Amino acid sequence: MIAAIGLLLGVLAGLLLQPDIPTGLEPYLPIAVVAALDAVLGAFRAHLDGIFDDKVFVVSFMSNVVLAALIVFLGDQLGVGSQLSTGVTVVLGIRIFSNAAAIRRHVFHA
């Protein structure tokens, strides 16, 4: 419950304060959002399955965001940033839809 409240407060703070993102970090923001969304949906799925662990959630959240950003950074250094960014988005997108399907099956029993 604390994580959900923290997420809600973070979204509200971002909407109200509208912080400026430094130009050098702009390519990493969409990837970080997708990685964070993957961790949140995975946590919700684990909660519905009765196996949620807050420590696992925090580690998953942070490692997803950092690893995705590092992959995109490495791609930028190699000159293939957009391709690796697309790859990370596809992989995390597949995980997001997989978690969403499991949540749908659990909630609607279908």
C-alpha atoms as a PDB file:
ATOM      1  CA  MET A   1       0.000   0.000   0.000  1.00  0.00           C
ATOM      2  CA  ILE A   2       2.869   2.357   0.769  1.00  0.00           C
ATOM      3  CA  ALA A   3       4.319   1.756  -2.708  1.00  0.00           C
ATOM      4  CA  ALA A   4       0.998   2.607  -4.371  1.00  0.00           C
ATOM      5  CA  ILE A   5       0.685   5.807  -2.325  1.00  0.00           C
ATOM      6  CA  GLY A   6       4.285   6.715  -3.172  1.00  0.00           C
ATOM      7  CA  LEU A   7       3.634   6.110  -6.861  1.00  0.00           C
ATOM      8  CA  LEU A   8       0.503   8.259  -6.772  1.00  0.00           C
ATOM      9  CA  LEU A   9       2.300  11.064  -4.921  1.00  0.00           C
ATOM     10  CA  GLY A  10       5.182  10.908  -7.403  1.00  0.00           C
ATOM     11  CA  VAL A  11       2.853  11.148 -10.397  1.00  0.00           C
ATOM     12  CA  LEU A  12       0.949  14.043  -8.819  1.00  0.00           C
ATOM     13  CA  ALA A  13       4.180  15.862  -7.953  1.00  0.00           C
ATOM     14  CA  GLY A  14       5.406  15.433 -11.520  1.00  0.00           C
ATOM     15  CA  LEU A  15       2.149  16.744 -12.958  1.00  0.00           C
ATOM     16  CA  LEU A  16       1.961  19.725 -10.612  1.00  0.00           C
ATOM     17  CA  LEU A  17       5.631  20.728 -10.575  1.00  0.00           C
ATOM     18  CA  GLN A  18       6.366  19.910 -14.244  1.00  0.00           C
ATOM     19  CA  PRO A  19      10.127  19.542 -13.765  1.00  0.00           C
ATOM     20  CA  ASP A  20      12.490  20.245 -16.654  1.00  0.00           C
ATOM     21  CA  ILE A  21      14.444  17.226 -17.844  1.00  0.00           C
ATOM     22  CA  PRO A  22      18.060  17.970 -18.799  1.00  0.00           C
ATOM     23  CA  THR A  23      18.600  17.484 -22.520  1.00  0.00           C
ATOM     24  CA  GLY A  24      21.209  14.778 -21.984  1.00  0.00           C
ATOM     25  CA  LEU A  25      18.752  12.645 -19.994  1.00  0.00           C
ATOM     26  CA  GLU A  26      15.755  12.964 -22.323  1.00  0.00           C
ATOM     27  CA  PRO A  27      16.483   9.741 -24.272  1.00  0.00           C
ATOM     28  CA  TYR A  28      16.446   7.760 -21.030  1.00  0.00           C
ATOM     29  CA  LEU A  29      13.134   9.000 -19.618  1.00  0.00           C
ATOM     30  CA  PRO A  30      10.783   6.896 -21.783  1.00  0.00           C
ATOM     31  CA  ILE A  31      12.863   3.793 -21.106  1.00  0.00           C
ATOM     32  CA  ALA A  32      12.854   4.486 -17.368  1.00  0.00           C
ATOM     33  CA  VAL A  33       9.074   4.922 -17.399  1.00  0.00           C
ATOM     34  CA  VAL A  34       8.544   1.644 -19.275  1.00  0.00           C
ATOM     35  CA  ALA A  35      10.940  -0.188 -16.940  1.00  0.00           C
ATOM     36  CA  ALA A  36       9.182   1.252 -13.881  1.00  0.00           C
ATOM     37  CA  LEU A  37       5.774   0.309 -15.297  1.00  0.00           C
ATOM     38  CA  ASP A  38       7.020  -3.240 -15.797  1.00  0.00           C
ATOM     39  CA  ALA A  39       8.100  -3.432 -12.150  1.00  0.00           C
ATOM     40  CA  VAL A  40       4.820  -1.971 -10.876  1.00  0.00           C
ATOM     41  CA  LEU A  41       2.678  -4.367 -12.914  1.00  0.00           C
ATOM     42  CA  GLY A  42       4.897  -7.262 -11.845  1.00  0.00           C
ATOM     43  CA  ALA A  43       4.402  -6.240  -8.215  1.00  0.00           C
ATOM     44  CA  PHE A  44       0.637  -6.027  -8.663  1.00  0.00           C
ATOM     45  CA  ARG A  45       0.629  -9.466 -10.271  1.00  0.00           C
ATOM     46  CA  ALA A  46       2.687 -10.844  -7.374  1.00  0.00           C
ATOM     47  CA  HIS A  47       0.255  -9.250  -4.930  1.00  0.00           C
ATOM     48  CA  LEU A  48      -2.685 -10.948  -6.628  1.00  0.00           C
ATOM     49  CA  ASP A  49      -0.794 -14.255  -6.581  1.00  0.00           C
ATOM     50  CA  GLY A  50      -0.082 -13.782  -2.866  1.00  0.00           C
ATOM     51  CA  ILE A  51       3.701 -13.771  -3.265  1.00  0.00           C
ATOM     52  CA  PHE A  52       4.429 -10.026  -3.092  1.00  0.00           C
ATOM     53  CA  ASP A  53       7.586  -9.034  -1.236  1.00  0.00           C
ATOM     54  CA  ASP A  54       8.384  -5.357  -0.806  1.00  0.00           C
ATOM     55  CA  LYS A  55      12.143  -5.925  -0.896  1.00  0.00           C
ATOM     56  CA  VAL A  56      11.849  -7.792  -4.184  1.00  0.00           C
ATOM     57  CA  PHE A  57       9.714  -4.963  -5.560  1.00  0.00           C
ATOM     58  CA  VAL A  58      12.228  -2.259  -4.641  1.00  0.00           C
ATOM     59  CA  VAL A  59      15.155  -4.242  -6.042  1.00  0.00           C
ATOM     60  CA  SER A  60      13.194  -5.094  -9.201  1.00  0.00           C
ATOM     61  CA  PHE A  61      12.095  -1.487  -9.677  1.00  0.00           C
ATOM     62  CA  MET A  62      15.563  -0.027  -9.255  1.00  0.00           C
ATOM     63  CA  SER A  63      17.381  -2.717 -11.235  1.00  0.00           C
ATOM     64  CA  ASN A  64      14.897  -2.503 -14.130  1.00  0.00           C
ATOM     65  CA  VAL A  65      15.309   1.257 -14.418  1.00  0.00           C
ATOM     66  CA  VAL A  66      19.095   1.260 -14.008  1.00  0.00           C
ATOM     67  CA  LEU A  67      19.681  -1.700 -16.339  1.00  0.00           C
ATOM     68  CA  ALA A  68      17.419  -0.277 -19.047  1.00  0.00           C
ATOM     69  CA  ALA A  69      19.163   3.107 -18.808  1.00  0.00           C
ATOM     70  CA  LEU A  70      22.594   1.450 -18.963  1.00  0.00           C
ATOM     71  CA  ILE A  71      21.633  -0.515 -22.064  1.00  0.00           C
ATOM     72  CA  VAL A  72      20.436   2.649 -23.803  1.00  0.00           C
ATOM     73  CA  PHE A  73      23.567   4.522 -22.641  1.00  0.00           C
ATOM     74  CA  LEU A  74      25.755   1.758 -24.041  1.00  0.00           C
ATOM     75  CA  GLY A  75      23.825   1.933 -27.300  1.00  0.00           C
ATOM     76  CA  ASP A  76      24.372   5.693 -27.451  1.00  0.00           C
ATOM     77  CA  GLN A  77      28.099   5.187 -26.927  1.00  0.00           C
ATOM     78  CA  LEU A  78      28.183   2.598 -29.706  1.00  0.00           C
ATOM     79  CA  GLY A  79      26.070   4.739 -32.034  1.00  0.00           C
ATOM     80  CA  VAL A  80      23.086   2.383 -32.019  1.00  0.00           C
ATOM     81  CA  GLY A  81      21.089   3.992 -29.207  1.00  0.00           C
ATOM     82  CA  SER A  82      17.767   4.041 -31.019  1.00  0.00           C
ATOM     83  CA  GLN A  83      18.011   0.342 -31.924  1.00  0.00           C
ATOM     84  CA  LEU A  84      18.831  -0.707 -28.362  1.00  0.00           C
ATOM     85  CA  SER A  85      16.158   1.643 -27.033  1.00  0.00           C
ATOM     86  CA  THR A  86      13.638  -0.050 -29.298  1.00  0.00           C
ATOM     87  CA  GLY A  87      14.858  -3.471 -28.178  1.00  0.00           C
ATOM     88  CA  VAL A  88      14.516  -2.581 -24.495  1.00  0.00           C
ATOM     89  CA  THR A  89      11.042  -1.171 -25.112  1.00  0.00           C
ATOM     90  CA  VAL A  90       9.952  -4.318 -26.957  1.00  0.00           C
ATOM     91  CA  VAL A  91      11.261  -6.667 -24.266  1.00  0.00           C
ATOM     92  CA  LEU A  92       9.734  -4.670 -21.429  1.00  0.00           C
ATOM     93  CA  GLY A  93       6.536  -4.235 -23.430  1.00  0.00           C
ATOM     94  CA  ILE A  94       6.224  -7.998 -23.767  1.00  0.00           C
ATOM     95  CA  ARG A  95       6.678  -8.348 -20.005  1.00  0.00           C
ATOM     96  CA  ILE A  96       4.116  -5.604 -19.350  1.00  0.00           C
ATOM     97  CA  PHE A  97       1.505  -7.279 -21.553  1.00  0.00           C
ATOM     98  CA  SER A  98       2.284 -10.661 -20.013  1.00  0.00           C
ATOM     99  CA  ASN A  99       1.749  -9.243 -16.526  1.00  0.00           C
ATOM    100  CA  ALA A 100      -1.396  -7.413 -17.669  1.00  0.00           C
ATOM    101  CA  ALA A 101      -2.792 -10.658 -19.105  1.00  0.00           C
ATOM    102  CA  ALA A 102      -2.070 -12.503 -15.845  1.00  0.00           C
ATOM    103  CA  ILE A 103      -3.741  -9.716 -13.860  1.00  0.00           C
ATOM    104  CA  ARG A 104      -6.758  -9.813 -16.177  1.00  0.00           C
ATOM    105  CA  ARG A 105      -7.030 -13.600 -15.784  1.00  0.00           C
ATOM    106  CA  HIS A 106      -6.776 -13.296 -12.017  1.00  0.00           C
ATOM    107  CA  VAL A 107      -9.312 -10.464 -11.692  1.00  0.00           C
ATOM    108  CA  PHE A 108     -11.870 -11.668 -14.247  1.00  0.00           C
ATOM    109  CA  HIS A 109     -11.177 -15.418 -13.933  1.00  0.00           C
ATOM    110  CA  ALA A 110     -10.954 -15.613 -17.704  1.00  0.00           C
END
